[in-house]
Amino acid sequence: MEVVRSEKKKTLIVGATENPSRYAFMAASMFEERGMDFVPIGIKKGSVYGRDILDLRQKPALEGIHTITLYIGPANQEEWIDYLIGLKPQRIIFNPGTENPVFFRKAKEAGIEVLPACNLVMLSTGQF
């Protein structure tokens, strides 16, 4: 059976990992199960469901990102805030433990919707 991908809400998973016990991996799994398009990015090499984890340190040029879902804590976000905002997503989901008032403010000032929420719950309840 072929999975039909939805391009509507292409999501960048920041902090992606191959480790199945991590929430970022669980999110990728849920996107994959639902046929939703996602791009994994992080600082650890590897792949998730056949997609190479892009190197966040390289700040790759990406287009068409609708949503960014964060799985890196505030202490590790500062270096990436301007890059992530520059991708011009429609929204950023700050998963539990990733909330950052400075990032919130900058994203809102750029016209980006800010959601302090759990991506896994949103997907499970149809709120994504």
PDB file of N, CA and C in Angstrom:
ATOM      1  N   MET A   1       0.832  -1.175   0.000  1.00  0.00           N
ATOM      2  CA  MET A   1       0.000   0.000   0.000  1.00  0.00           C
ATOM      3  C   MET A   1       0.885   1.249   0.000  1.00  0.00           C
ATOM      4  N   GLU A   2       0.616   2.161  -0.908  1.00  0.00           N
ATOM      5  CA  GLU A   2       1.403   3.384  -1.009  1.00  0.00           C
ATOM      6  C   GLU A   2       0.852   4.447  -0.072  1.00  0.00           C
ATOM      7  N   VAL A   3       1.754   5.128   0.624  1.00  0.00           N
ATOM      8  CA  VAL A   3       1.351   6.211   1.529  1.00  0.00           C
ATOM      9  C   VAL A   3       1.282   7.496   0.711  1.00  0.00           C
ATOM     10  N   VAL A   4       0.157   8.163   0.783  1.00  0.00           N
ATOM     11  CA  VAL A   4      -0.009   9.438   0.106  1.00  0.00           C
ATOM     12  C   VAL A   4       0.367  10.528   1.096  1.00  0.00           C
ATOM     13  N   ARG A   5       1.320  11.357   0.732  1.00  0.00           N
ATOM     14  CA  ARG A   5       1.815  12.395   1.626  1.00  0.00           C
ATOM     15  C   ARG A   5       0.995  13.673   1.512  1.00  0.00           C
ATOM     16  N   SER A   6       0.794  14.298   2.640  1.00  0.00           N
ATOM     17  CA  SER A   6       0.114  15.587   2.674  1.00  0.00           C
ATOM     18  C   SER A   6       1.170  16.682   2.727  1.00  0.00           C
ATOM     19  N   GLU A   7       1.196  17.546   1.714  1.00  0.00           N
ATOM     20  CA  GLU A   7       2.145  18.652   1.675  1.00  0.00           C
ATOM     21  C   GLU A   7       1.625  19.850   2.455  1.00  0.00           C
ATOM     22  N   LYS A   8       0.366  19.820   2.863  1.00  0.00           N
ATOM     23  CA  LYS A   8      -0.276  20.986   3.450  1.00  0.00           C
ATOM     24  C   LYS A   8       0.436  21.510   4.688  1.00  0.00           C
ATOM     25  N   LYS A   9       0.894  20.643   5.539  1.00  0.00           N
ATOM     26  CA  LYS A   9       1.517  21.081   6.790  1.00  0.00           C
ATOM     27  C   LYS A   9       2.897  20.446   6.953  1.00  0.00           C
ATOM     28  N   LYS A  10       3.733  20.625   5.942  1.00  0.00           N
ATOM     29  CA  LYS A  10       5.093  20.102   5.996  1.00  0.00           C
ATOM     30  C   LYS A  10       5.745  20.610   7.280  1.00  0.00           C
ATOM     31  N   THR A  11       6.229  19.681   8.076  1.00  0.00           N
ATOM     32  CA  THR A  11       6.706  20.009   9.421  1.00  0.00           C
ATOM     33  C   THR A  11       8.186  19.720   9.575  1.00  0.00           C
ATOM     34  N   LEU A  12       8.895  20.681  10.148  1.00  0.00           N
ATOM     35  CA  LEU A  12      10.305  20.534  10.463  1.00  0.00           C
ATOM     36  C   LEU A  12      10.407  20.076  11.907  1.00  0.00           C
ATOM     37  N   ILE A  13      10.990  18.899  12.117  1.00  0.00           N
ATOM     38  CA  ILE A  13      11.181  18.362  13.466  1.00  0.00           C
ATOM     39  C   ILE A  13      12.594  18.740  13.915  1.00  0.00           C
ATOM     40  N   VAL A  14      12.674  19.724  14.819  1.00  0.00           N
ATOM     41  CA  VAL A  14      13.968  20.223  15.288  1.00  0.00           C
ATOM     42  C   VAL A  14      14.384  19.438  16.535  1.00  0.00           C
ATOM     43  N   GLY A  15      15.531  18.758  16.404  1.00  0.00           N
ATOM     44  CA  GLY A  15      15.995  17.884  17.474  1.00  0.00           C
ATOM     45  C   GLY A  15      15.735  16.429  17.114  1.00  0.00           C
ATOM     46  N   ALA A  16      15.581  16.171  15.817  1.00  0.00           N
ATOM     47  CA  ALA A  16      15.296  14.814  15.340  1.00  0.00           C
ATOM     48  C   ALA A  16      16.415  13.851  15.749  1.00  0.00           C
ATOM     49  N   THR A  17      16.020  12.606  15.960  1.00  0.00           N
ATOM     50  CA  THR A  17      16.960  11.578  16.407  1.00  0.00           C
ATOM     51  C   THR A  17      16.489  10.212  15.936  1.00  0.00           C
ATOM     52  N   GLU A  18      17.435   9.282  15.859  1.00  0.00           N
ATOM     53  CA  GLU A  18      17.105   7.891  15.540  1.00  0.00           C
ATOM     54  C   GLU A  18      16.661   7.122  16.783  1.00  0.00           C
ATOM     55  N   ASN A  19      16.791   7.722  17.950  1.00  0.00           N
ATOM     56  CA  ASN A  19      16.508   7.040  19.216  1.00  0.00           C
ATOM     57  C   ASN A  19      14.990   6.916  19.416  1.00  0.00           C
ATOM     58  N   PRO A  20      14.446   5.687  19.341  1.00  0.00           N
ATOM     59  CA  PRO A  20      12.993   5.505  19.435  1.00  0.00           C
ATOM     60  C   PRO A  20      12.389   5.850  20.793  1.00  0.00           C
ATOM     61  N   SER A  21      13.220   6.057  21.817  1.00  0.00           N
ATOM     62  CA  SER A  21      12.675   6.412  23.127  1.00  0.00           C
ATOM     63  C   SER A  21      12.499   7.931  23.290  1.00  0.00           C
ATOM     64  N   ARG A  22      12.919   8.711  22.287  1.00  0.00           N
ATOM     65  CA  ARG A  22      12.823  10.173  22.359  1.00  0.00           C
ATOM     66  C   ARG A  22      11.513  10.654  21.723  1.00  0.00           C
ATOM     67  N   TYR A  23      10.972  11.735  22.266  1.00  0.00           N
ATOM     68  CA  TYR A  23       9.708  12.268  21.766  1.00  0.00           C
ATOM     69  C   TYR A  23       9.803  12.735  20.314  1.00  0.00           C
ATOM     70  N   ALA A  24      10.948  13.259  19.908  1.00  0.00           N
ATOM     71  CA  ALA A  24      11.115  13.692  18.517  1.00  0.00           C
ATOM     72  C   ALA A  24      10.949  12.508  17.565  1.00  0.00           C
ATOM     73  N   PHE A  25      11.466  11.349  17.946  1.00  0.00           N
ATOM     74  CA  PHE A  25      11.310  10.148  17.120  1.00  0.00           C
ATOM     75  C   PHE A  25       9.841   9.715  17.109  1.00  0.00           C
ATOM     76  N   MET A  26       9.194   9.776  18.273  1.00  0.00           N
ATOM     77  CA  MET A  26       7.776   9.407  18.351  1.00  0.00           C
ATOM     78  C   MET A  26       6.926  10.310  17.460  1.00  0.00           C
ATOM     79  N   ALA A  27       7.265  11.592  17.409  1.00  0.00           N
ATOM     80  CA  ALA A  27       6.539  12.516  16.536  1.00  0.00           C
ATOM     81  C   ALA A  27       6.740  12.115  15.076  1.00  0.00           C
ATOM     82  N   ALA A  28       7.986  11.823  14.697  1.00  0.00           N
ATOM     83  CA  ALA A  28       8.263  11.395  13.321  1.00  0.00           C
ATOM     84  C   ALA A  28       7.462  10.140  12.981  1.00  0.00           C
ATOM     85  N   SER A  29       7.376   9.230  13.939  1.00  0.00           N
ATOM     86  CA  SER A  29       6.614   8.002  13.745  1.00  0.00           C
ATOM     87  C   SER A  29       5.140   8.307  13.486  1.00  0.00           C
ATOM     88  N   MET A  30       4.588   9.228  14.245  1.00  0.00           N
ATOM     89  CA  MET A  30       3.183   9.587  14.066  1.00  0.00           C
ATOM     90  C   MET A  30       2.951  10.298  12.734  1.00  0.00           C
ATOM     91  N   PHE A  31       3.874  11.154  12.327  1.00  0.00           N
ATOM     92  CA  PHE A  31       3.757  11.791  11.011  1.00  0.00           C
ATOM     93  C   PHE A  31       3.787  10.729   9.918  1.00  0.00           C
ATOM     94  N   GLU A  32       4.730   9.806  10.033  1.00  0.00           N
ATOM     95  CA  GLU A  32       4.869   8.740   9.036  1.00  0.00           C
ATOM     96  C   GLU A  32       3.599   7.897   8.959  1.00  0.00           C
ATOM     97  N   GLU A  33       3.077   7.489  10.107  1.00  0.00           N
ATOM     98  CA  GLU A  33       1.853   6.668  10.139  1.00  0.00           C
ATOM     99  C   GLU A  33       0.674   7.370   9.485  1.00  0.00           C
ATOM    100  N   ARG A  34       0.643   8.688   9.582  1.00  0.00           N
ATOM    101  CA  ARG A  34      -0.477   9.469   9.048  1.00  0.00           C
ATOM    102  C   ARG A  34      -0.226   9.961   7.621  1.00  0.00           C
ATOM    103  N   GLY A  35       0.935   9.623   7.072  1.00  0.00           N
ATOM    104  CA  GLY A  35       1.254  10.046   5.716  1.00  0.00           C
ATOM    105  C   GLY A  35       1.509  11.538   5.600  1.00  0.00           C
ATOM    106  N   MET A  36       1.952  12.144   6.694  1.00  0.00           N
ATOM    107  CA  MET A  36       2.205  13.589   6.717  1.00  0.00           C
ATOM    108  C   MET A  36       3.681  13.853   6.435  1.00  0.00           C
ATOM    109  N   ASP A  37       3.940  14.900   5.677  1.00  0.00           N
ATOM    110  CA  ASP A  37       5.306  15.213   5.286  1.00  0.00           C
ATOM    111  C   ASP A  37       6.065  15.876   6.436  1.00  0.00           C
ATOM    112  N   PHE A  38       7.279  15.416   6.675  1.00  0.00           N
ATOM    113  CA  PHE A  38       8.123  16.010   7.707  1.00  0.00           C
ATOM    114  C   PHE A  38       9.576  15.990   7.275  1.00  0.00           C
ATOM    115  N   VAL A  39      10.332  16.911   7.855  1.00  0.00           N
ATOM    116  CA  VAL A  39      11.757  17.025   7.590  1.00  0.00           C
ATOM    117  C   VAL A  39      12.471  16.953   8.940  1.00  0.00           C
ATOM    118  N   PRO A  40      13.303  15.925   9.151  1.00  0.00           N
ATOM    119  CA  PRO A  40      14.047  15.849  10.410  1.00  0.00           C
ATOM    120  C   PRO A  40      15.330  16.675  10.343  1.00  0.00           C
ATOM    121  N   ILE A  41      15.610  17.423  11.411  1.00  0.00           N
ATOM    122  CA  ILE A  41      16.830  18.216  11.470  1.00  0.00           C
ATOM    123  C   ILE A  41      17.362  18.158  12.902  1.00  0.00           C
ATOM    124  N   GLY A  42      18.664  18.082  13.039  1.00  0.00           N
ATOM    125  CA  GLY A  42      19.272  17.998  14.366  1.00  0.00           C
ATOM    126  C   GLY A  42      20.780  18.079  14.259  1.00  0.00           C
ATOM    127  N   ILE A  43      21.439  17.780  15.353  1.00  0.00           N
ATOM    128  CA  ILE A  43      22.906  17.825  15.331  1.00  0.00           C
ATOM    129  C   ILE A  43      23.517  16.428  15.301  1.00  0.00           C
ATOM    130  N   LYS A  44      22.682  15.411  15.414  1.00  0.00           N
ATOM    131  CA  LYS A  44      23.173  14.036  15.343  1.00  0.00           C
ATOM    132  C   LYS A  44      22.853  13.451  13.980  1.00  0.00           C
ATOM    133  N   LYS A  45      23.833  12.780  13.396  1.00  0.00           N
ATOM    134  CA  LYS A  45      23.626  12.164  12.090  1.00  0.00           C
ATOM    135  C   LYS A  45      22.726  10.954  12.224  1.00  0.00           C
ATOM    136  N   GLY A  46      22.083  10.611  11.135  1.00  0.00           N
ATOM    137  CA  GLY A  46      21.248   9.427  11.106  1.00  0.00           C
ATOM    138  C   GLY A  46      20.105   9.627  10.133  1.00  0.00           C
ATOM    139  N   SER A  47      19.114   8.761  10.255  1.00  0.00           N
ATOM    140  CA  SER A  47      17.936   8.883   9.415  1.00  0.00           C
ATOM    141  C   SER A  47      16.711   8.428  10.195  1.00  0.00           C
ATOM    142  N   VAL A  48      15.576   8.960   9.784  1.00  0.00           N
ATOM    143  CA  VAL A  48      14.310   8.649  10.416  1.00  0.00           C
ATOM    144  C   VAL A  48      13.326   8.312   9.297  1.00  0.00           C
ATOM    145  N   TYR A  49      12.854   7.081   9.285  1.00  0.00           N
ATOM    146  CA  TYR A  49      11.894   6.641   8.268  1.00  0.00           C
ATOM    147  C   TYR A  49      12.369   6.980   6.862  1.00  0.00           C
ATOM    148  N   GLY A  50      13.637   6.676   6.590  1.00  0.00           N
ATOM    149  CA  GLY A  50      14.189   6.855   5.258  1.00  0.00           C
ATOM    150  C   GLY A  50      14.598   8.286   4.917  1.00  0.00           C
ATOM    151  N   ARG A  51      14.441   9.192   5.845  1.00  0.00           N
ATOM    152  CA  ARG A  51      14.834  10.582   5.610  1.00  0.00           C
ATOM    153  C   ARG A  51      16.101  10.869   6.408  1.00  0.00           C
ATOM    154  N   ASP A  52      17.127  11.378   5.741  1.00  0.00           N
ATOM    155  CA  ASP A  52      18.349  11.764   6.450  1.00  0.00           C
ATOM    156  C   ASP A  52      18.044  12.916   7.392  1.00  0.00           C
ATOM    157  N   ILE A  53      18.635  12.870   8.574  1.00  0.00           N
ATOM    158  CA  ILE A  53      18.512  13.976   9.513  1.00  0.00           C
ATOM    159  C   ILE A  53      19.456  15.070   9.022  1.00  0.00           C
ATOM    160  N   LEU A  54      18.865  16.202   8.641  1.00  0.00           N
ATOM    161  CA  LEU A  54      19.668  17.325   8.161  1.00  0.00           C
ATOM    162  C   LEU A  54      20.479  17.898   9.313  1.00  0.00           C
ATOM    163  N   ASP A  55      21.646  18.449   8.973  1.00  0.00           N
ATOM    164  CA  ASP A  55      22.538  19.006   9.992  1.00  0.00           C
ATOM    165  C   ASP A  55      22.109  20.435  10.324  1.00  0.00           C
ATOM    166  N   LEU A  56      21.568  20.623  11.504  1.00  0.00           N
ATOM    167  CA  LEU A  56      21.102  21.928  11.949  1.00  0.00           C
ATOM    168  C   LEU A  56      22.223  22.964  11.914  1.00  0.00           C
ATOM    169  N   ARG A  57      23.447  22.520  12.205  1.00  0.00           N
ATOM    170  CA  ARG A  57      24.587  23.446  12.227  1.00  0.00           C
ATOM    171  C   ARG A  57      24.857  24.070  10.862  1.00  0.00           C
ATOM    172  N   GLN A  58      24.414  23.396   9.805  1.00  0.00           N
ATOM    173  CA  GLN A  58      24.604  23.905   8.441  1.00  0.00           C
ATOM    174  C   GLN A  58      23.525  24.917   8.048  1.00  0.00           C
ATOM    175  N   LYS A  59      22.467  25.003   8.862  1.00  0.00           N
ATOM    176  CA  LYS A  59      21.339  25.900   8.585  1.00  0.00           C
ATOM    177  C   LYS A  59      20.895  25.784   7.118  1.00  0.00           C
ATOM    178  N   PRO A  60      20.475  24.571   6.732  1.00  0.00           N
ATOM    179  CA  PRO A  60      20.123  24.365   5.323  1.00  0.00           C
ATOM    180  C   PRO A  60      18.939  25.217   4.870  1.00  0.00           C
ATOM    181  N   ALA A  61      18.989  25.614   3.618  1.00  0.00           N
ATOM    182  CA  ALA A  61      17.881  26.367   3.023  1.00  0.00           C
ATOM    183  C   ALA A  61      16.719  25.402   2.811  1.00  0.00           C
ATOM    184  N   LEU A  62      15.578  25.725   3.374  1.00  0.00           N
ATOM    185  CA  LEU A  62      14.395  24.877   3.247  1.00  0.00           C
ATOM    186  C   LEU A  62      13.223  25.745   2.825  1.00  0.00           C
ATOM    187  N   GLU A  63      12.360  25.190   2.006  1.00  0.00           N
ATOM    188  CA  GLU A  63      11.185  25.936   1.562  1.00  0.00           C
ATOM    189  C   GLU A  63       9.928  25.149   1.877  1.00  0.00           C
ATOM    190  N   GLY A  64       8.836  25.869   2.012  1.00  0.00           N
ATOM    191  CA  GLY A  64       7.538  25.226   2.184  1.00  0.00           C
ATOM    192  C   GLY A  64       7.289  24.644   3.562  1.00  0.00           C
ATOM    193  N   ILE A  65       8.036  25.104   4.565  1.00  0.00           N
ATOM    194  CA  ILE A  65       7.819  24.609   5.923  1.00  0.00           C
ATOM    195  C   ILE A  65       6.592  25.326   6.498  1.00  0.00           C
ATOM    196  N   HIS A  66       5.565  24.560   6.834  1.00  0.00           N
ATOM    197  CA  HIS A  66       4.357  25.119   7.428  1.00  0.00           C
ATOM    198  C   HIS A  66       4.514  25.248   8.939  1.00  0.00           C
ATOM    199  N   THR A  67       5.036  24.179   9.553  1.00  0.00           N
ATOM    200  CA  THR A  67       5.123  24.104  11.013  1.00  0.00           C
ATOM    201  C   THR A  67       6.526  23.682  11.430  1.00  0.00           C
ATOM    202  N   ILE A  68       7.006  24.301  12.498  1.00  0.00           N
ATOM    203  CA  ILE A  68       8.234  23.843  13.148  1.00  0.00           C
ATOM    204  C   ILE A  68       7.809  23.290  14.495  1.00  0.00           C
ATOM    205  N   THR A  69       8.255  22.088  14.815  1.00  0.00           N
ATOM    206  CA  THR A  69       7.987  21.511  16.131  1.00  0.00           C
ATOM    207  C   THR A  69       9.335  21.320  16.828  1.00  0.00           C
ATOM    208  N   LEU A  70       9.463  21.921  18.001  1.00  0.00           N
ATOM    209  CA  LEU A  70      10.744  21.947  18.710  1.00  0.00           C
ATOM    210  C   LEU A  70      10.874  20.830  19.730  1.00  0.00           C
ATOM    211  N   TYR A  71      12.028  20.186  19.689  1.00  0.00           N
ATOM    212  CA  TYR A  71      12.380  19.174  20.679  1.00  0.00           C
ATOM    213  C   TYR A  71      13.774  19.448  21.238  1.00  0.00           C
ATOM    214  N   ILE A  72      14.166  20.725  21.270  1.00  0.00           N
ATOM    215  CA  ILE A  72      15.421  21.113  21.921  1.00  0.00           C
ATOM    216  C   ILE A  72      15.080  22.191  22.951  1.00  0.00           C
ATOM    217  N   GLY A  73      15.707  22.098  24.101  1.00  0.00           N
ATOM    218  CA  GLY A  73      15.407  23.007  25.201  1.00  0.00           C
ATOM    219  C   GLY A  73      15.911  24.416  24.963  1.00  0.00           C
ATOM    220  N   PRO A  74      15.398  25.364  25.759  1.00  0.00           N
ATOM    221  CA  PRO A  74      15.766  26.768  25.616  1.00  0.00           C
ATOM    222  C   PRO A  74      17.272  27.029  25.660  1.00  0.00           C
ATOM    223  N   ALA A  75      17.997  26.281  26.467  1.00  0.00           N
ATOM    224  CA  ALA A  75      19.442  26.486  26.583  1.00  0.00           C
ATOM    225  C   ALA A  75      20.164  26.197  25.268  1.00  0.00           C
ATOM    226  N   ASN A  76      19.538  25.421  24.388  1.00  0.00           N
ATOM    227  CA  ASN A  76      20.162  25.061  23.112  1.00  0.00           C
ATOM    228  C   ASN A  76      19.489  25.715  21.903  1.00  0.00           C
ATOM    229  N   GLN A  77      18.610  26.678  22.143  1.00  0.00           N
ATOM    230  CA  GLN A  77      17.856  27.279  21.037  1.00  0.00           C
ATOM    231  C   GLN A  77      18.462  28.553  20.475  1.00  0.00           C
ATOM    232  N   GLU A  78      19.137  29.337  21.301  1.00  0.00           N
ATOM    233  CA  GLU A  78      19.533  30.692  20.919  1.00  0.00           C
ATOM    234  C   GLU A  78      20.224  30.767  19.559  1.00  0.00           C
ATOM    235  N   GLU A  79      21.131  29.848  19.312  1.00  0.00           N
ATOM    236  CA  GLU A  79      21.894  29.845  18.062  1.00  0.00           C
ATOM    237  C   GLU A  79      21.007  29.660  16.829  1.00  0.00           C
ATOM    238  N   TRP A  80      19.839  29.061  17.010  1.00  0.00           N
ATOM    239  CA  TRP A  80      18.998  28.686  15.866  1.00  0.00           C
ATOM    240  C   TRP A  80      17.754  29.557  15.693  1.00  0.00           C
ATOM    241  N   ILE A  81      17.466  30.437  16.651  1.00  0.00           N
ATOM    242  CA  ILE A  81      16.212  31.209  16.614  1.00  0.00           C
ATOM    243  C   ILE A  81      16.048  31.982  15.303  1.00  0.00           C
ATOM    244  N   ASP A  82      17.029  32.770  14.920  1.00  0.00           N
ATOM    245  CA  ASP A  82      16.905  33.581  13.707  1.00  0.00           C
ATOM    246  C   ASP A  82      16.796  32.699  12.461  1.00  0.00           C
ATOM    247  N   TYR A  83      17.554  31.613  12.429  1.00  0.00           N
ATOM    248  CA  TYR A  83      17.474  30.683  11.300  1.00  0.00           C
ATOM    249  C   TYR A  83      16.061  30.108  11.181  1.00  0.00           C
ATOM    250  N   LEU A  84      15.511  29.624  12.287  1.00  0.00           N
ATOM    251  CA  LEU A  84      14.187  28.989  12.250  1.00  0.00           C
ATOM    252  C   LEU A  84      13.097  30.001  11.885  1.00  0.00           C
ATOM    253  N   ILE A  85      13.169  31.189  12.436  1.00  0.00           N
ATOM    254  CA  ILE A  85      12.200  32.230  12.080  1.00  0.00           C
ATOM    255  C   ILE A  85      12.340  32.587  10.598  1.00  0.00           C
ATOM    256  N   GLY A  86      13.569  32.602  10.111  1.00  0.00           N
ATOM    257  CA  GLY A  86      13.837  32.907   8.704  1.00  0.00           C
ATOM    258  C   GLY A  86      13.260  31.902   7.729  1.00  0.00           C
ATOM    259  N   LEU A  87      12.888  30.720   8.207  1.00  0.00           N
ATOM    260  CA  LEU A  87      12.248  29.720   7.339  1.00  0.00           C
ATOM    261  C   LEU A  87      10.791  30.092   7.055  1.00  0.00           C
ATOM    262  N   LYS A  88      10.302  31.105   7.763  1.00  0.00           N
ATOM    263  CA  LYS A  88       8.958  31.648   7.585  1.00  0.00           C
ATOM    264  C   LYS A  88       7.839  30.610   7.733  1.00  0.00           C
ATOM    265  N   PRO A  89       7.874  29.854   8.830  1.00  0.00           N
ATOM    266  CA  PRO A  89       6.772  28.906   9.054  1.00  0.00           C
ATOM    267  C   PRO A  89       5.511  29.674   9.447  1.00  0.00           C
ATOM    268  N   GLN A  90       4.369  29.018   9.338  1.00  0.00           N
ATOM    269  CA  GLN A  90       3.130  29.640   9.796  1.00  0.00           C
ATOM    270  C   GLN A  90       2.996  29.512  11.309  1.00  0.00           C
ATOM    271  N   ARG A  91       3.595  28.454  11.871  1.00  0.00           N
ATOM    272  CA  ARG A  91       3.505  28.267  13.324  1.00  0.00           C
ATOM    273  C   ARG A  91       4.720  27.509  13.844  1.00  0.00           C
ATOM    274  N   ILE A  92       4.966  27.715  15.139  1.00  0.00           N
ATOM    275  CA  ILE A  92       6.006  26.975  15.843  1.00  0.00           C
ATOM    276  C   ILE A  92       5.356  26.346  17.063  1.00  0.00           C
ATOM    277  N   ILE A  93       5.530  25.039  17.201  1.00  0.00           N
ATOM    278  CA  ILE A  93       5.014  24.312  18.356  1.00  0.00           C
ATOM    279  C   ILE A  93       6.164  24.134  19.341  1.00  0.00           C
ATOM    280  N   PHE A  94       5.981  24.703  20.528  1.00  0.00           N
ATOM    281  CA  PHE A  94       6.959  24.562  21.602  1.00  0.00           C
ATOM    282  C   PHE A  94       6.476  23.418  22.486  1.00  0.00           C
ATOM    283  N   ASN A  95       7.066  22.250  22.295  1.00  0.00           N
ATOM    284  CA  ASN A  95       6.689  21.081  23.087  1.00  0.00           C
ATOM    285  C   ASN A  95       7.102  21.283  24.541  1.00  0.00           C
ATOM    286  N   PRO A  96       6.499  20.538  25.471  1.00  0.00           N
ATOM    287  CA  PRO A  96       6.846  20.703  26.891  1.00  0.00           C
ATOM    288  C   PRO A  96       8.361  20.663  27.107  1.00  0.00           C
ATOM    289  N   GLY A  97       8.846  21.654  27.840  1.00  0.00           N
ATOM    290  CA  GLY A  97      10.277  21.750  28.131  1.00  0.00           C
ATOM    291  C   GLY A  97      11.046  22.590  27.125  1.00  0.00           C
ATOM    292  N   THR A  98      10.375  23.050  26.049  1.00  0.00           N
ATOM    293  CA  THR A  98      11.069  23.855  25.042  1.00  0.00           C
ATOM    294  C   THR A  98      10.610  25.315  25.058  1.00  0.00           C
ATOM    295  N   GLU A  99       9.693  25.644  25.966  1.00  0.00           N
ATOM    296  CA  GLU A  99       9.146  26.996  26.024  1.00  0.00           C
ATOM    297  C   GLU A  99      10.263  28.005  26.261  1.00  0.00           C
ATOM    298  N   ASN A 100      10.187  29.127  25.514  1.00  0.00           N
ATOM    299  CA  ASN A 100      11.246  30.131  25.574  1.00  0.00           C
ATOM    300  C   ASN A 100      10.628  31.498  25.276  1.00  0.00           C
ATOM    301  N   PRO A 101      10.455  32.351  26.311  1.00  0.00           N
ATOM    302  CA  PRO A 101       9.818  33.658  26.121  1.00  0.00           C
ATOM    303  C   PRO A 101      10.486  34.531  25.053  1.00  0.00           C
ATOM    304  N   VAL A 102      11.799  34.487  24.946  1.00  0.00           N
ATOM    305  CA  VAL A 102      12.501  35.292  23.943  1.00  0.00           C
ATOM    306  C   VAL A 102      12.142  34.797  22.539  1.00  0.00           C
ATOM    307  N   PHE A 103      12.174  33.494  22.346  1.00  0.00           N
ATOM    308  CA  PHE A 103      11.829  32.891  21.054  1.00  0.00           C
ATOM    309  C   PHE A 103      10.350  33.169  20.752  1.00  0.00           C
ATOM    310  N   PHE A 104       9.470  33.023  21.751  1.00  0.00           N
ATOM    311  CA  PHE A 104       8.036  33.330  21.574  1.00  0.00           C
ATOM    312  C   PHE A 104       7.882  34.734  20.994  1.00  0.00           C
ATOM    313  N   ARG A 105       8.505  35.707  21.669  1.00  0.00           N
ATOM    314  CA  ARG A 105       8.356  37.109  21.289  1.00  0.00           C
ATOM    315  C   ARG A 105       8.854  37.354  19.869  1.00  0.00           C
ATOM    316  N   LYS A 106      10.044  36.851  19.561  1.00  0.00           N
ATOM    317  CA  LYS A 106      10.612  37.052  18.221  1.00  0.00           C
ATOM    318  C   LYS A 106       9.730  36.414  17.148  1.00  0.00           C
ATOM    319  N   ALA A 107       9.218  35.224  17.425  1.00  0.00           N
ATOM    320  CA  ALA A 107       8.357  34.544  16.448  1.00  0.00           C
ATOM    321  C   ALA A 107       7.059  35.328  16.239  1.00  0.00           C
ATOM    322  N   LYS A 108       6.451  35.769  17.339  1.00  0.00           N
ATOM    323  CA  LYS A 108       5.207  36.545  17.233  1.00  0.00           C
ATOM    324  C   LYS A 108       5.443  37.841  16.463  1.00  0.00           C
ATOM    325  N   GLU A 109       6.560  38.507  16.731  1.00  0.00           N
ATOM    326  CA  GLU A 109       6.893  39.751  16.025  1.00  0.00           C
ATOM    327  C   GLU A 109       7.058  39.506  14.528  1.00  0.00           C
ATOM    328  N   ALA A 110       7.440  38.290  14.158  1.00  0.00           N
ATOM    329  CA  ALA A 110       7.605  37.926  12.748  1.00  0.00           C
ATOM    330  C   ALA A 110       6.292  37.424  12.137  1.00  0.00           C
ATOM    331  N   GLY A 111       5.212  37.471  12.929  1.00  0.00           N
ATOM    332  CA  GLY A 111       3.908  37.065  12.413  1.00  0.00           C
ATOM    333  C   GLY A 111       3.668  35.561  12.425  1.00  0.00           C
ATOM    334  N   ILE A 112       4.431  34.858  13.243  1.00  0.00           N
ATOM    335  CA  ILE A 112       4.325  33.402  13.341  1.00  0.00           C
ATOM    336  C   ILE A 112       3.473  33.038  14.547  1.00  0.00           C
ATOM    337  N   GLU A 113       2.546  32.110  14.342  1.00  0.00           N
ATOM    338  CA  GLU A 113       1.725  31.614  15.452  1.00  0.00           C
ATOM    339  C   GLU A 113       2.617  30.795  16.386  1.00  0.00           C
ATOM    340  N   VAL A 114       2.477  31.035  17.683  1.00  0.00           N
ATOM    341  CA  VAL A 114       3.264  30.339  18.696  1.00  0.00           C
ATOM    342  C   VAL A 114       2.326  29.468  19.517  1.00  0.00           C
ATOM    343  N   LEU A 115       2.633  28.177  19.595  1.00  0.00           N
ATOM    344  CA  LEU A 115       1.799  27.254  20.356  1.00  0.00           C
ATOM    345  C   LEU A 115       2.625  26.521  21.401  1.00  0.00           C
ATOM    346  N   PRO A 116       2.450  26.831  22.688  1.00  0.00           N
ATOM    347  CA  PRO A 116       3.055  25.992  23.709  1.00  0.00           C
ATOM    348  C   PRO A 116       2.125  24.784  23.864  1.00  0.00           C
ATOM    349  N   ALA A 117       2.494  23.682  23.238  1.00  0.00           N
ATOM    350  CA  ALA A 117       1.614  22.513  23.174  1.00  0.00           C
ATOM    351  C   ALA A 117       2.450  21.260  22.977  1.00  0.00           C
ATOM    352  N   CYS A 118       1.793  20.125  23.050  1.00  0.00           N
ATOM    353  CA  CYS A 118       2.457  18.845  22.810  1.00  0.00           C
ATOM    354  C   CYS A 118       2.051  18.332  21.433  1.00  0.00           C
ATOM    355  N   ASN A 119       3.017  18.250  20.540  1.00  0.00           N
ATOM    356  CA  ASN A 119       2.777  17.780  19.190  1.00  0.00           C
ATOM    357  C   ASN A 119       2.137  16.392  19.185  1.00  0.00           C
ATOM    358  N   LEU A 120       2.582  15.513  20.083  1.00  0.00           N
ATOM    359  CA  LEU A 120       2.037  14.152  20.124  1.00  0.00           C
ATOM    360  C   LEU A 120       0.556  14.161  20.480  1.00  0.00           C
ATOM    361  N   VAL A 121       0.165  14.997  21.439  1.00  0.00           N
ATOM    362  CA  VAL A 121      -1.240  15.117  21.821  1.00  0.00           C
ATOM    363  C   VAL A 121      -2.029  15.719  20.668  1.00  0.00           C
ATOM    364  N   MET A 122      -1.482  16.752  20.038  1.00  0.00           N
ATOM    365  CA  MET A 122      -2.170  17.382  18.916  1.00  0.00           C
ATOM    366  C   MET A 122      -2.455  16.376  17.802  1.00  0.00           C
ATOM    367  N   LEU A 123      -1.469  15.550  17.487  1.00  0.00           N
ATOM    368  CA  LEU A 123      -1.662  14.536  16.446  1.00  0.00           C
ATOM    369  C   LEU A 123      -2.662  13.465  16.886  1.00  0.00           C
ATOM    370  N   SER A 124      -2.565  13.050  18.135  1.00  0.00           N
ATOM    371  CA  SER A 124      -3.441  11.987  18.652  1.00  0.00           C
ATOM    372  C   SER A 124      -4.905  12.417  18.710  1.00  0.00           C
ATOM    373  N   THR A 125      -5.144  13.714  18.914  1.00  0.00           N
ATOM    374  CA  THR A 125      -6.507  14.204  19.091  1.00  0.00           C
ATOM    375  C   THR A 125      -7.047  14.925  17.859  1.00  0.00           C
ATOM    376  N   GLY A 126      -6.286  14.903  16.768  1.00  0.00           N
ATOM    377  CA  GLY A 126      -6.751  15.539  15.542  1.00  0.00           C
ATOM    378  C   GLY A 126      -6.685  17.050  15.561  1.00  0.00           C
ATOM    379  N   GLN A 127      -5.884  17.630  16.447  1.00  0.00           N
ATOM    380  CA  GLN A 127      -5.772  19.093  16.546  1.00  0.00           C
ATOM    381  C   GLN A 127      -4.607  19.665  15.758  1.00  0.00           C
ATOM    382  N   PHE A 128      -3.875  18.797  15.060  1.00  0.00           N
ATOM    383  CA  PHE A 128      -2.698  19.269  14.336  1.00  0.00           C
ATOM    384  C   PHE A 128      -3.133  20.047  13.110  1.00  0.00           C
TER     385      PHE A 128
END
